[in-house]
N, C-alpha and C. Protein backbone atom coordinates (compact mmCIF):
# COMPACT_ATOMS: atom_id res chain seq x y z
N ILE A 1 -7.72 101.22 5.89
CA ILE A 1 -6.61 100.81 6.46
C ILE A 1 -6.43 99.07 7.16
N VAL A 2 -5.56 98.62 7.67
CA VAL A 2 -5.83 97.73 7.78
C VAL A 2 -5.12 97.35 8.73
N ILE A 3 -5.15 96.61 10.24
CA ILE A 3 -4.27 96.28 10.87
C ILE A 3 -4.12 94.70 11.74
N ASN A 4 -2.56 94.54 11.18
CA ASN A 4 -2.59 93.18 11.89
C ASN A 4 -2.28 92.54 12.80
N ASP A 5 -1.98 91.37 13.13
CA ASP A 5 -1.44 91.02 14.22
C ASP A 5 -1.89 91.72 15.79
N ILE A 6 -3.23 92.25 15.73
CA ILE A 6 -3.22 92.77 17.30
C ILE A 6 -3.42 92.01 18.10
N GLU A 7 -2.59 91.75 19.08
CA GLU A 7 -1.78 91.40 20.94
C GLU A 7 -2.92 91.26 21.83
N ALA A 8 -3.41 92.31 22.23
CA ALA A 8 -3.92 93.46 22.97
C ALA A 8 -5.60 94.34 23.46
N SER A 9 -5.94 94.80 23.68
CA SER A 9 -7.77 94.79 23.65
C SER A 9 -6.56 96.03 24.13
N ASP A 10 -6.85 97.14 22.98
CA ASP A 10 -6.68 99.11 23.15
C ASP A 10 -7.52 99.14 22.43
N TRP A 11 -7.21 101.42 22.98
CA TRP A 11 -7.79 102.27 21.65
C TRP A 11 -6.71 102.13 20.74
N TYR A 12 -7.65 102.20 19.35
CA TYR A 12 -7.25 102.86 18.25
C TYR A 12 -7.39 103.79 17.08
N TYR A 13 -6.75 104.77 16.41
CA TYR A 13 -7.37 106.03 17.00
C TYR A 13 -6.82 106.55 14.45
N LEU A 14 -7.51 106.70 14.24
CA LEU A 14 -6.56 107.44 12.53
C LEU A 14 -7.71 108.89 12.27
N TYR A 15 -6.41 109.50 11.92
CA TYR A 15 -6.97 111.22 11.74
C TYR A 15 -6.50 110.91 10.26
N VAL A 16 -7.18 111.44 9.46
CA VAL A 16 -6.84 111.68 8.14
C VAL A 16 -7.28 113.51 7.61
N GLN A 17 -6.34 113.74 6.67
CA GLN A 17 -6.42 115.18 6.35
C GLN A 17 -6.83 114.82 4.97
N ASP A 18 -7.82 115.06 3.92
CA ASP A 18 -7.59 115.47 2.72
C ASP A 18 -6.98 116.83 2.14
N SER A 19 -6.50 116.50 0.81
CA SER A 19 -6.40 117.71 -0.08
C SER A 19 -6.41 119.11 0.19
N GLU A 20 -7.07 118.92 0.68
CA GLU A 20 -7.67 120.62 1.17
C GLU A 20 -7.82 120.66 2.54
N GLY A 21 -6.89 119.89 3.49
CA GLY A 21 -6.59 120.70 4.63
C GLY A 21 -8.04 120.20 5.79
N CYS A 22 -9.56 119.41 5.21
CA CYS A 22 -9.85 119.21 6.12
C CYS A 22 -9.03 117.84 6.60
N LYS A 23 -9.92 118.39 8.29
CA LYS A 23 -9.76 116.86 8.85
C LYS A 23 -10.38 115.67 9.55
N GLY A 24 -10.01 114.56 10.03
CA GLY A 24 -11.26 114.48 10.57
C GLY A 24 -10.16 112.96 11.59
N PHE A 25 -11.22 112.93 12.55
CA PHE A 25 -11.07 112.00 13.64
C PHE A 25 -11.99 110.57 13.83
N ASP A 26 -11.47 109.32 14.29
CA ASP A 26 -12.26 108.05 14.35
C ASP A 26 -11.58 107.55 15.90
N SER A 27 -12.34 107.10 16.99
CA SER A 27 -11.43 106.43 17.18
C SER A 27 -12.06 104.77 17.65
N ILE A 28 -11.20 103.74 17.71
CA ILE A 28 -12.05 102.20 18.18
C ILE A 28 -11.75 101.51 18.60
N TYR A 29 -12.28 100.84 20.36
CA TYR A 29 -11.75 99.84 21.02
C TYR A 29 -11.76 98.61 20.06
N VAL A 30 -11.05 97.58 20.65
CA VAL A 30 -10.37 96.40 19.87
C VAL A 30 -10.75 96.07 20.92
N VAL A 31 -11.26 94.76 21.43
CA VAL A 31 -11.26 93.96 21.82
C VAL A 31 -10.27 92.36 21.76
N VAL A 32 -9.87 92.06 22.19
CA VAL A 32 -8.87 90.94 21.95
C VAL A 32 -9.28 89.69 23.09
N GLY A 33 -9.93 88.59 22.94
CA GLY A 33 -10.32 87.68 23.43
C GLY A 33 -10.93 86.61 23.07
N VAL A 34 -12.84 86.23 24.17
CA VAL A 34 -13.07 85.73 23.25
C VAL A 34 -14.54 86.74 23.41
N LEU A 35 -15.78 86.10 22.29
CA LEU A 35 -16.87 86.80 22.29
C LEU A 35 -17.91 85.62 22.49
N PRO A 36 -18.36 86.15 23.63
CA PRO A 36 -19.66 85.26 24.47
C PRO A 36 -20.84 85.83 23.96
N TYR A 37 -21.74 84.87 23.90
CA TYR A 37 -23.24 85.72 23.46
C TYR A 37 -24.13 85.65 25.20
N ASP A 38 -25.19 86.37 25.15
CA ASP A 38 -25.53 87.02 25.58
C ASP A 38 -26.85 85.45 26.67
N ALA A 39 -27.32 84.91 25.83
CA ALA A 39 -28.81 84.39 26.67
C ALA A 39 -28.58 82.83 26.66
N ILE A 40 -28.89 82.25 27.45
CA ILE A 40 -29.04 80.48 26.79
C ILE A 40 -30.75 79.79 27.26
N THR A 41 -30.75 78.98 26.72
CA THR A 41 -32.11 78.64 26.11
C THR A 41 -32.25 77.31 26.76
N PRO A 42 -31.78 76.44 27.72
CA PRO A 42 -31.50 75.24 27.90
C PRO A 42 -32.58 74.05 28.38
N ASN A 43 -33.22 73.97 27.75
CA ASN A 43 -34.22 72.72 27.40
C ASN A 43 -34.68 71.46 26.35
N ASN A 44 -33.16 71.30 25.72
CA ASN A 44 -32.61 69.88 25.46
C ASN A 44 -33.40 69.98 23.77
N ASP A 45 -33.33 71.54 23.29
CA ASP A 45 -34.04 71.30 21.62
C ASP A 45 -32.98 71.51 20.82
N GLY A 46 -31.44 71.54 21.33
CA GLY A 46 -30.52 71.82 20.40
C GLY A 46 -30.44 72.92 20.27
N TYR A 47 -31.07 74.15 20.53
CA TYR A 47 -30.32 75.39 20.57
C TYR A 47 -30.30 75.63 20.92
N ASN A 48 -29.00 76.73 21.62
CA ASN A 48 -28.54 77.31 22.83
C ASN A 48 -28.53 77.08 23.98
N ASP A 49 -28.47 75.09 24.48
CA ASP A 49 -28.75 75.15 25.23
C ASP A 49 -27.65 74.52 26.60
N THR A 50 -26.45 75.19 25.76
CA THR A 50 -25.61 75.71 27.01
C THR A 50 -24.70 76.82 26.46
N TRP A 51 -23.75 77.11 27.13
CA TRP A 51 -22.36 78.30 26.83
C TRP A 51 -21.31 78.53 26.47
N THR A 52 -20.90 78.74 25.56
CA THR A 52 -19.06 78.15 25.75
C THR A 52 -18.99 79.90 25.25
N PRO A 53 -17.85 80.57 25.27
CA PRO A 53 -17.47 81.90 24.50
C PRO A 53 -16.83 81.13 23.91
N LEU A 54 -17.32 82.05 22.05
CA LEU A 54 -16.33 81.99 20.79
C LEU A 54 -15.10 82.34 20.86
N ASP A 55 -14.10 81.01 20.52
CA ASP A 55 -12.91 80.95 20.94
C ASP A 55 -11.99 80.94 22.20
N ILE A 56 -12.78 80.42 23.91
CA ILE A 56 -12.33 79.82 25.06
C ILE A 56 -11.41 78.89 24.39
N GLY A 57 -11.99 78.74 23.32
CA GLY A 57 -10.23 77.02 23.80
C GLY A 57 -9.49 77.63 23.25
N GLU A 58 -9.07 78.21 22.47
CA GLU A 58 -7.76 79.23 22.25
C GLU A 58 -6.82 79.77 23.78
N TYR A 59 -7.66 80.18 25.12
CA TYR A 59 -7.08 80.10 25.86
C TYR A 59 -6.99 79.62 26.74
N GLU A 60 -6.34 78.75 26.33
CA GLU A 60 -5.68 77.21 28.06
C GLU A 60 -5.93 77.97 29.12
N ASN A 61 -5.85 78.77 29.90
CA ASN A 61 -5.06 79.46 31.23
C ASN A 61 -6.50 80.80 31.35
N ALA A 62 -7.49 80.73 30.35
CA ALA A 62 -8.19 81.63 31.46
C ALA A 62 -8.90 80.42 32.31
N LEU A 63 -9.94 81.49 32.71
CA LEU A 63 -10.68 81.02 33.66
C LEU A 63 -12.74 81.73 33.94
N VAL A 64 -13.23 81.13 32.83
CA VAL A 64 -15.04 81.86 32.82
C VAL A 64 -15.68 81.10 34.33
N GLN A 65 -16.16 82.74 34.75
CA GLN A 65 -17.29 81.97 36.28
C GLN A 65 -18.42 82.83 36.00
N VAL A 66 -19.27 82.43 36.35
CA VAL A 66 -20.78 82.75 36.51
C VAL A 66 -21.26 82.72 37.56
N PHE A 67 -22.16 83.64 37.92
CA PHE A 67 -22.42 84.25 39.51
C PHE A 67 -23.63 84.76 39.07
N ASN A 68 -24.61 84.46 40.35
CA ASN A 68 -26.15 84.85 40.64
C ASN A 68 -26.15 86.36 40.79
N ARG A 69 -27.15 86.72 41.27
CA ARG A 69 -27.63 88.64 41.68
C ARG A 69 -26.61 88.46 42.39
N TRP A 70 -26.58 87.82 43.31
CA TRP A 70 -26.05 87.51 45.16
C TRP A 70 -24.55 87.33 45.13
N GLY A 71 -24.28 87.12 43.87
CA GLY A 71 -23.12 86.88 43.59
C GLY A 71 -21.96 85.84 44.06
N GLY A 72 -22.97 84.97 43.64
CA GLY A 72 -22.51 83.42 43.66
C GLY A 72 -22.11 82.53 43.44
N LEU A 73 -20.86 81.98 42.84
CA LEU A 73 -20.64 81.75 41.86
C LEU A 73 -21.20 80.02 41.64
N VAL A 74 -22.45 80.52 40.70
CA VAL A 74 -22.86 79.10 40.07
C VAL A 74 -22.04 77.80 38.89
N PHE A 75 -21.26 78.22 38.35
CA PHE A 75 -20.63 77.85 37.55
C PHE A 75 -18.83 78.60 37.07
N GLU A 76 -18.40 77.42 37.31
CA GLU A 76 -16.50 77.82 36.82
C GLU A 76 -16.12 76.73 36.08
N SER A 77 -14.98 77.22 34.91
CA SER A 77 -14.79 76.27 33.97
C SER A 77 -13.44 76.54 33.29
N ASN A 78 -12.27 76.08 33.17
CA ASN A 78 -10.49 76.44 33.35
C ASN A 78 -11.12 77.01 30.99
N GLY A 79 -10.39 77.56 30.90
CA GLY A 79 -10.47 77.96 28.99
C GLY A 79 -9.91 76.53 28.86
N GLY A 80 -9.19 76.37 27.15
CA GLY A 80 -8.81 75.43 26.64
C GLY A 80 -9.71 74.35 25.92
N GLU A 81 -9.26 73.15 25.62
CA GLU A 81 -9.93 72.29 25.24
C GLU A 81 -10.35 71.80 26.64
N ASP A 82 -10.20 72.16 27.79
CA ASP A 82 -10.86 71.51 29.05
C ASP A 82 -12.01 72.83 29.20
N TYR A 83 -12.52 73.37 28.45
CA TYR A 83 -13.54 74.07 28.53
C TYR A 83 -14.94 73.42 29.19
N ILE A 84 -15.35 73.25 30.03
CA ILE A 84 -17.14 72.43 30.36
C ILE A 84 -18.64 73.30 30.00
N PRO A 85 -19.51 73.49 28.69
CA PRO A 85 -20.14 74.03 28.31
C PRO A 85 -20.46 74.30 29.71
N TRP A 86 -21.27 75.67 30.07
CA TRP A 86 -21.71 75.61 30.91
C TRP A 86 -23.13 75.61 30.86
N ASP A 87 -24.39 74.69 31.36
CA ASP A 87 -25.64 74.07 30.76
C ASP A 87 -26.41 74.36 31.65
N GLY A 88 -26.25 76.27 32.16
CA GLY A 88 -27.64 76.48 33.22
C GLY A 88 -28.01 76.04 34.02
N THR A 89 -26.95 75.23 34.60
CA THR A 89 -27.36 74.59 36.39
C THR A 89 -26.03 74.99 37.04
N ASN A 90 -26.56 74.70 38.71
CA ASN A 90 -24.93 74.34 39.87
C ASN A 90 -25.53 73.51 40.00
N ASN A 91 -24.19 72.87 39.96
CA ASN A 91 -24.03 71.45 41.00
C ASN A 91 -25.22 70.30 40.22
N GLY A 92 -25.52 70.85 39.08
CA GLY A 92 -26.46 69.56 38.81
C GLY A 92 -28.18 70.33 38.82
N GLU A 93 -27.74 71.41 39.85
CA GLU A 93 -29.53 71.30 39.62
C GLU A 93 -30.12 73.01 37.95
N GLU A 94 -31.56 72.78 37.74
CA GLU A 94 -31.20 73.95 36.87
C GLU A 94 -31.64 74.97 37.62
N LEU A 95 -30.50 76.32 37.21
CA LEU A 95 -31.41 76.88 37.83
C LEU A 95 -32.47 78.10 37.13
N VAL A 96 -32.71 78.43 38.30
CA VAL A 96 -34.47 79.76 37.59
C VAL A 96 -33.77 80.86 36.54
N VAL A 97 -34.57 80.59 36.30
CA VAL A 97 -34.56 81.72 34.70
C VAL A 97 -34.32 82.89 35.58
N GLY A 98 -33.15 83.77 34.64
CA GLY A 98 -32.83 84.66 35.25
C GLY A 98 -31.96 85.59 34.35
N THR A 99 -31.11 87.31 35.27
CA THR A 99 -29.47 87.21 34.26
C THR A 99 -28.81 86.90 35.47
N TYR A 100 -27.77 86.01 34.94
CA TYR A 100 -26.44 86.26 35.47
C TYR A 100 -25.31 86.72 35.53
N TYR A 101 -24.42 87.08 35.82
CA TYR A 101 -22.71 87.37 35.24
C TYR A 101 -21.31 86.68 35.29
N TYR A 102 -21.21 86.90 34.01
CA TYR A 102 -19.93 86.25 33.91
C TYR A 102 -18.98 87.47 34.45
N ILE A 103 -18.05 86.57 34.73
CA ILE A 103 -15.86 86.94 33.97
C ILE A 103 -15.65 86.45 33.25
N ILE A 104 -15.09 86.43 32.47
CA ILE A 104 -14.04 85.49 31.80
C ILE A 104 -12.75 86.42 32.03
N ASP A 105 -11.40 85.02 32.73
CA ASP A 105 -10.35 86.09 33.03
C ASP A 105 -9.63 84.96 31.70
N LEU A 106 -9.11 85.07 30.97
CA LEU A 106 -8.05 84.84 30.21
C LEU A 106 -6.43 85.21 29.97
N ASN A 107 -6.48 86.02 31.65
CA ASN A 107 -4.53 85.89 32.08
C ASN A 107 -3.99 86.01 30.77
N THR A 108 -3.97 87.16 30.50
CA THR A 108 -3.28 87.43 29.27
C THR A 108 -2.67 88.93 29.76
N GLY A 109 -3.21 89.71 31.15
CA GLY A 109 -2.95 90.47 31.36
C GLY A 109 -3.69 91.67 31.10
N ASP A 110 -4.11 91.44 29.99
CA ASP A 110 -5.78 92.07 29.71
C ASP A 110 -6.26 92.29 31.24
N GLU A 111 -8.08 93.42 30.81
CA GLU A 111 -8.41 93.28 31.97
C GLU A 111 -10.01 92.11 31.04
N PRO A 112 -10.47 91.53 32.59
CA PRO A 112 -11.36 90.56 32.49
C PRO A 112 -12.54 91.44 31.70
N GLN A 113 -12.72 89.81 30.73
CA GLN A 113 -14.90 90.75 30.01
C GLN A 113 -15.27 90.57 31.10
N THR A 114 -16.52 91.34 31.11
CA THR A 114 -17.76 90.55 32.06
C THR A 114 -18.69 90.79 31.49
N GLY A 115 -20.25 90.92 31.53
CA GLY A 115 -21.33 91.16 31.67
C GLY A 115 -21.80 90.09 31.75
N PRO A 116 -23.56 90.26 31.57
CA PRO A 116 -24.67 89.77 32.31
C PRO A 116 -24.77 88.04 30.86
N ILE A 117 -25.43 87.37 31.53
CA ILE A 117 -25.98 85.95 30.67
C ILE A 117 -27.63 85.20 31.02
N THR A 118 -28.38 85.68 29.99
CA THR A 118 -30.37 85.01 30.64
C THR A 118 -30.19 83.68 30.63
N ILE A 119 -31.08 83.12 31.29
CA ILE A 119 -31.37 81.88 31.44
C ILE A 119 -33.24 81.70 30.89
N ILE A 120 -33.30 81.55 29.75
CA ILE A 120 -34.72 81.93 29.22
C ILE A 120 -35.38 80.25 29.04
N ARG A 121 -36.03 80.41 29.51
CA ARG A 121 -36.53 78.83 29.40
C ARG A 121 -38.30 78.73 28.48
């Protein structure tokens, strides 16, 4: 089964029944949006030095924010072509190794995407 043109995050359900009457059921929650990864290593080696959620360029109205463990904003950027990759700094100062938390609001009416991102040096 192929479902095309999914425009919003939602639950999708599948019910099947074979010729002998045996029934099966499954479900999956499909997230429409960007795909963030969960760690950066900002050591200027050219690998994972910055954080850019996959496909954020497709969402001009998105707002990407990263917070420290106390809820202080350490990074913010708009989506779309204006997205500025996060390099593990706050106002030019290197942040300490640890776990930070992102909120990506695509401004599409769906719930914002949230999760952790870790700085490893």
